[in-house]
Amino acid sequence: MTHRIHNIGIAAQIGGCSDAVETGSNLRWLLTSGTPGLQMNGDLPTDIAGQAELAWKHIVRMLNRAEMTVADVVKVTQYLTRAEDIPAYSKVCARFLGNASPTSTLLVVAQLVRPEFLVEVEIIAAKAEPKVGE
């Protein structure tokens, strides 16, 4: 395990994330840009569930390219443009995170870089460097 969770009980009252995550030394870090639910061909679903699904699929692809999984995620920052989308978004997020319990911040903002974007997700992940010979 590359990180330890330190819960004080606040995050548990809001959702399934952790209050604090402590990481060790000799880690590789992955920081993503804000990632919208945009298809590779530029198409964009019109609903929050479709955009959230694609955003999280992109996050998982980036993690895989770095030889990481959602278990290595220590921080998630999510931006939504409509407060009423929080329940639908949260269901998608929970499905992708599974048992992972990173720290999390969710903000409702007036607009993202493109007005048709309903969500952007960014993560920070940390994983131990492989030992020589592995």
C-alpha atoms as a PDB file:
ATOM      1  CA  MET A   1       0.000   0.000   0.000  1.00  0.00           C
ATOM      2  CA  THR A   2       1.414   3.377  -1.004  1.00  0.00           C
ATOM      3  CA  HIS A   3      -0.831   5.442   1.230  1.00  0.00           C
ATOM      4  CA  ARG A   4      -2.620   5.431   4.581  1.00  0.00           C
ATOM      5  CA  ILE A   5      -6.070   6.811   5.205  1.00  0.00           C
ATOM      6  CA  HIS A   6      -6.703   9.058   8.198  1.00  0.00           C
ATOM      7  CA  ASN A   7     -10.420   9.534   8.752  1.00  0.00           C
ATOM      8  CA  ILE A   8     -11.852  11.815  11.416  1.00  0.00           C
ATOM      9  CA  GLY A   9     -15.494  11.226  10.441  1.00  0.00           C
ATOM     10  CA  ILE A  10     -16.322  14.294   8.349  1.00  0.00           C
ATOM     11  CA  ALA A  11     -16.073  12.805   4.846  1.00  0.00           C
ATOM     12  CA  ALA A  12     -18.130   9.770   5.895  1.00  0.00           C
ATOM     13  CA  GLN A  13     -21.073  12.072   6.549  1.00  0.00           C
ATOM     14  CA  ILE A  14     -20.899  13.408   2.973  1.00  0.00           C
ATOM     15  CA  GLY A  15     -19.894  10.457   0.789  1.00  0.00           C
ATOM     16  CA  GLY A  16     -17.570   7.498   0.402  1.00  0.00           C
ATOM     17  CA  CYS A  17     -14.258   9.332   0.367  1.00  0.00           C
ATOM     18  CA  SER A  18     -11.563   9.864   2.992  1.00  0.00           C
ATOM     19  CA  ASP A  19     -10.805  12.873   5.160  1.00  0.00           C
ATOM     20  CA  ALA A  20      -7.043  12.615   4.599  1.00  0.00           C
ATOM     21  CA  VAL A  21      -4.567  10.406   2.750  1.00  0.00           C
ATOM     22  CA  GLU A  22      -0.894  10.177   3.663  1.00  0.00           C
ATOM     23  CA  THR A  23       1.620   8.949   1.106  1.00  0.00           C
ATOM     24  CA  GLY A  24       5.125   7.616   1.567  1.00  0.00           C
ATOM     25  CA  SER A  25       8.386   8.305  -0.225  1.00  0.00           C
ATOM     26  CA  ASN A  26       9.737   6.904  -3.503  1.00  0.00           C
ATOM     27  CA  LEU A  27       6.415   7.225  -5.288  1.00  0.00           C
ATOM     28  CA  ARG A  28       5.536   7.898  -8.883  1.00  0.00           C
ATOM     29  CA  TRP A  29       2.839  10.577  -9.198  1.00  0.00           C
ATOM     30  CA  LEU A  30       0.160  10.988 -11.836  1.00  0.00           C
ATOM     31  CA  LEU A  31      -1.733  14.286 -12.029  1.00  0.00           C
ATOM     32  CA  THR A  32      -4.404  14.671 -14.674  1.00  0.00           C
ATOM     33  CA  SER A  33      -5.899  17.735 -16.253  1.00  0.00           C
ATOM     34  CA  GLY A  34      -9.586  18.398 -15.854  1.00  0.00           C
ATOM     35  CA  THR A  35     -11.066  15.634 -17.988  1.00  0.00           C
ATOM     36  CA  PRO A  36     -14.506  16.090 -19.555  1.00  0.00           C
ATOM     37  CA  GLY A  37     -16.852  13.393 -20.831  1.00  0.00           C
ATOM     38  CA  LEU A  38     -15.948  14.036 -24.429  1.00  0.00           C
ATOM     39  CA  GLN A  39     -15.798  11.155 -26.904  1.00  0.00           C
ATOM     40  CA  MET A  40     -12.582  10.612 -28.848  1.00  0.00           C
ATOM     41  CA  ASN A  41     -14.301  11.841 -32.039  1.00  0.00           C
ATOM     42  CA  GLY A  42     -15.385  15.064 -30.340  1.00  0.00           C
ATOM     43  CA  ASP A  43     -19.001  14.043 -29.729  1.00  0.00           C
ATOM     44  CA  LEU A  44     -20.465  14.872 -26.331  1.00  0.00           C
ATOM     45  CA  PRO A  45     -23.348  13.159 -24.554  1.00  0.00           C
ATOM     46  CA  THR A  46     -26.013  15.662 -23.511  1.00  0.00           C
ATOM     47  CA  ASP A  47     -26.695  14.152 -20.066  1.00  0.00           C
ATOM     48  CA  ILE A  48     -24.607  14.087 -16.897  1.00  0.00           C
ATOM     49  CA  ALA A  49     -24.533  10.280 -16.649  1.00  0.00           C
ATOM     50  CA  GLY A  50     -23.137   9.936 -20.172  1.00  0.00           C
ATOM     51  CA  GLN A  51     -20.531  12.665 -19.671  1.00  0.00           C
ATOM     52  CA  ALA A  52     -19.523  11.319 -16.238  1.00  0.00           C
ATOM     53  CA  GLU A  53     -19.174   7.793 -17.615  1.00  0.00           C
ATOM     54  CA  LEU A  54     -16.841   8.973 -20.383  1.00  0.00           C
ATOM     55  CA  ALA A  55     -14.821  11.233 -18.070  1.00  0.00           C
ATOM     56  CA  TRP A  56     -14.187   8.342 -15.685  1.00  0.00           C
ATOM     57  CA  LYS A  57     -13.353   5.961 -18.554  1.00  0.00           C
ATOM     58  CA  HIS A  58     -10.728   8.476 -19.690  1.00  0.00           C
ATOM     59  CA  ILE A  59      -9.342   8.706 -16.138  1.00  0.00           C
ATOM     60  CA  VAL A  60      -9.076   4.904 -15.952  1.00  0.00           C
ATOM     61  CA  ARG A  61      -7.304   4.840 -19.345  1.00  0.00           C
ATOM     62  CA  MET A  62      -4.769   7.403 -18.087  1.00  0.00           C
ATOM     63  CA  LEU A  63      -4.233   5.372 -14.917  1.00  0.00           C
ATOM     64  CA  ASN A  64      -3.723   2.219 -16.989  1.00  0.00           C
ATOM     65  CA  ARG A  65      -1.144   3.956 -19.191  1.00  0.00           C
ATOM     66  CA  ALA A  66       0.775   4.833 -16.036  1.00  0.00           C
ATOM     67  CA  GLU A  67       0.413   1.229 -14.820  1.00  0.00           C
ATOM     68  CA  MET A  68      -1.906   2.369 -12.041  1.00  0.00           C
ATOM     69  CA  THR A  69      -5.484   1.656 -10.981  1.00  0.00           C
ATOM     70  CA  VAL A  70      -8.168   3.544  -9.090  1.00  0.00           C
ATOM     71  CA  ALA A  71      -6.678   2.026  -5.910  1.00  0.00           C
ATOM     72  CA  ASP A  72      -3.702   4.368  -6.466  1.00  0.00           C
ATOM     73  CA  VAL A  73      -5.875   7.507  -6.583  1.00  0.00           C
ATOM     74  CA  VAL A  74      -5.291   9.712  -3.532  1.00  0.00           C
ATOM     75  CA  LYS A  75      -7.250  12.828  -4.580  1.00  0.00           C
ATOM     76  CA  VAL A  76     -10.244  13.481  -6.840  1.00  0.00           C
ATOM     77  CA  THR A  77     -11.460  16.954  -7.784  1.00  0.00           C
ATOM     78  CA  GLN A  78     -14.766  17.142  -9.622  1.00  0.00           C
ATOM     79  CA  TYR A  79     -16.409  20.132 -11.257  1.00  0.00           C
ATOM     80  CA  LEU A  80     -20.123  20.102 -12.089  1.00  0.00           C
ATOM     81  CA  THR A  81     -22.093  22.931 -13.650  1.00  0.00           C
ATOM     82  CA  ARG A  82     -25.459  22.006 -12.094  1.00  0.00           C
ATOM     83  CA  ALA A  83     -26.115  21.088  -8.476  1.00  0.00           C
ATOM     84  CA  GLU A  84     -29.055  18.917  -9.494  1.00  0.00           C
ATOM     85  CA  ASP A  85     -26.600  16.586 -11.275  1.00  0.00           C
ATOM     86  CA  ILE A  86     -24.796  15.631  -8.061  1.00  0.00           C
ATOM     87  CA  PRO A  87     -26.832  12.445  -7.343  1.00  0.00           C
ATOM     88  CA  ALA A  88     -26.495  11.071 -10.902  1.00  0.00           C
ATOM     89  CA  TYR A  89     -22.808  11.988 -11.056  1.00  0.00           C
ATOM     90  CA  SER A  90     -22.137  10.454  -7.630  1.00  0.00           C
ATOM     91  CA  LYS A  91     -23.544   7.095  -8.748  1.00  0.00           C
ATOM     92  CA  VAL A  92     -21.181   6.954 -11.716  1.00  0.00           C
ATOM     93  CA  CYS A  93     -18.217   8.074  -9.614  1.00  0.00           C
ATOM     94  CA  ALA A  94     -18.942   5.486  -6.909  1.00  0.00           C
ATOM     95  CA  ARG A  95     -19.122   2.710  -9.506  1.00  0.00           C
ATOM     96  CA  PHE A  96     -15.709   3.610 -10.942  1.00  0.00           C
ATOM     97  CA  LEU A  97     -14.008   4.115  -7.569  1.00  0.00           C
ATOM     98  CA  GLY A  98     -15.402   0.914  -6.073  1.00  0.00           C
ATOM     99  CA  ASN A  99     -13.665   0.310  -2.741  1.00  0.00           C
ATOM    100  CA  ALA A 100     -11.046   3.020  -3.333  1.00  0.00           C
ATOM    101  CA  SER A 101     -11.392   5.834  -0.841  1.00  0.00           C
ATOM    102  CA  PRO A 102      -9.376   8.853  -2.016  1.00  0.00           C
ATOM    103  CA  THR A 103      -9.848  12.356  -0.717  1.00  0.00           C
ATOM    104  CA  SER A 104     -12.411  14.256  -2.735  1.00  0.00           C
ATOM    105  CA  THR A 105     -13.623  17.754  -3.527  1.00  0.00           C
ATOM    106  CA  LEU A 106     -16.724  18.416  -5.609  1.00  0.00           C
ATOM    107  CA  LEU A 107     -17.434  21.946  -6.777  1.00  0.00           C
ATOM    108  CA  VAL A 108     -20.444  23.354  -8.588  1.00  0.00           C
ATOM    109  CA  VAL A 109     -19.171  26.047 -10.948  1.00  0.00           C
ATOM    110  CA  ALA A 110     -20.870  28.510 -13.274  1.00  0.00           C
ATOM    111  CA  GLN A 111     -19.276  27.088 -16.421  1.00  0.00           C
ATOM    112  CA  LEU A 112     -16.434  24.919 -17.662  1.00  0.00           C
ATOM    113  CA  VAL A 113     -14.110  25.703 -20.572  1.00  0.00           C
ATOM    114  CA  ARG A 114     -16.846  24.757 -23.044  1.00  0.00           C
ATOM    115  CA  PRO A 115     -20.408  25.654 -22.034  1.00  0.00           C
ATOM    116  CA  GLU A 116     -21.772  22.253 -23.060  1.00  0.00           C
ATOM    117  CA  PHE A 117     -19.457  20.421 -20.620  1.00  0.00           C
ATOM    118  CA  LEU A 118     -21.422  19.344 -17.537  1.00  0.00           C
ATOM    119  CA  VAL A 119     -18.501  17.732 -15.688  1.00  0.00           C
ATOM    120  CA  GLU A 120     -14.725  17.619 -15.513  1.00  0.00           C
ATOM    121  CA  VAL A 121     -12.758  15.248 -13.300  1.00  0.00           C
ATOM    122  CA  GLU A 122      -9.116  15.466 -12.274  1.00  0.00           C
ATOM    123  CA  ILE A 123      -7.175  13.057 -10.110  1.00  0.00           C
ATOM    124  CA  ILE A 124      -3.880  12.683  -8.329  1.00  0.00           C
ATOM    125  CA  ALA A 125      -2.545   9.136  -8.013  1.00  0.00           C
ATOM    126  CA  ALA A 126       0.590   7.766  -6.361  1.00  0.00           C
ATOM    127  CA  LYS A 127       2.236   4.381  -6.762  1.00  0.00           C
ATOM    128  CA  ALA A 128       5.432   2.896  -5.437  1.00  0.00           C
ATOM    129  CA  GLU A 129       8.373   2.706  -7.802  1.00  0.00           C
ATOM    130  CA  PRO A 130       8.964  -0.855  -8.954  1.00  0.00           C
ATOM    131  CA  LYS A 131      11.917  -2.524  -7.287  1.00  0.00           C
ATOM    132  CA  VAL A 132      14.927  -3.286  -9.488  1.00  0.00           C
ATOM    133  CA  GLY A 133      14.435  -6.631 -11.190  1.00  0.00           C
ATOM    134  CA  GLU A 134      10.618  -6.573 -11.023  1.00  0.00           C
END
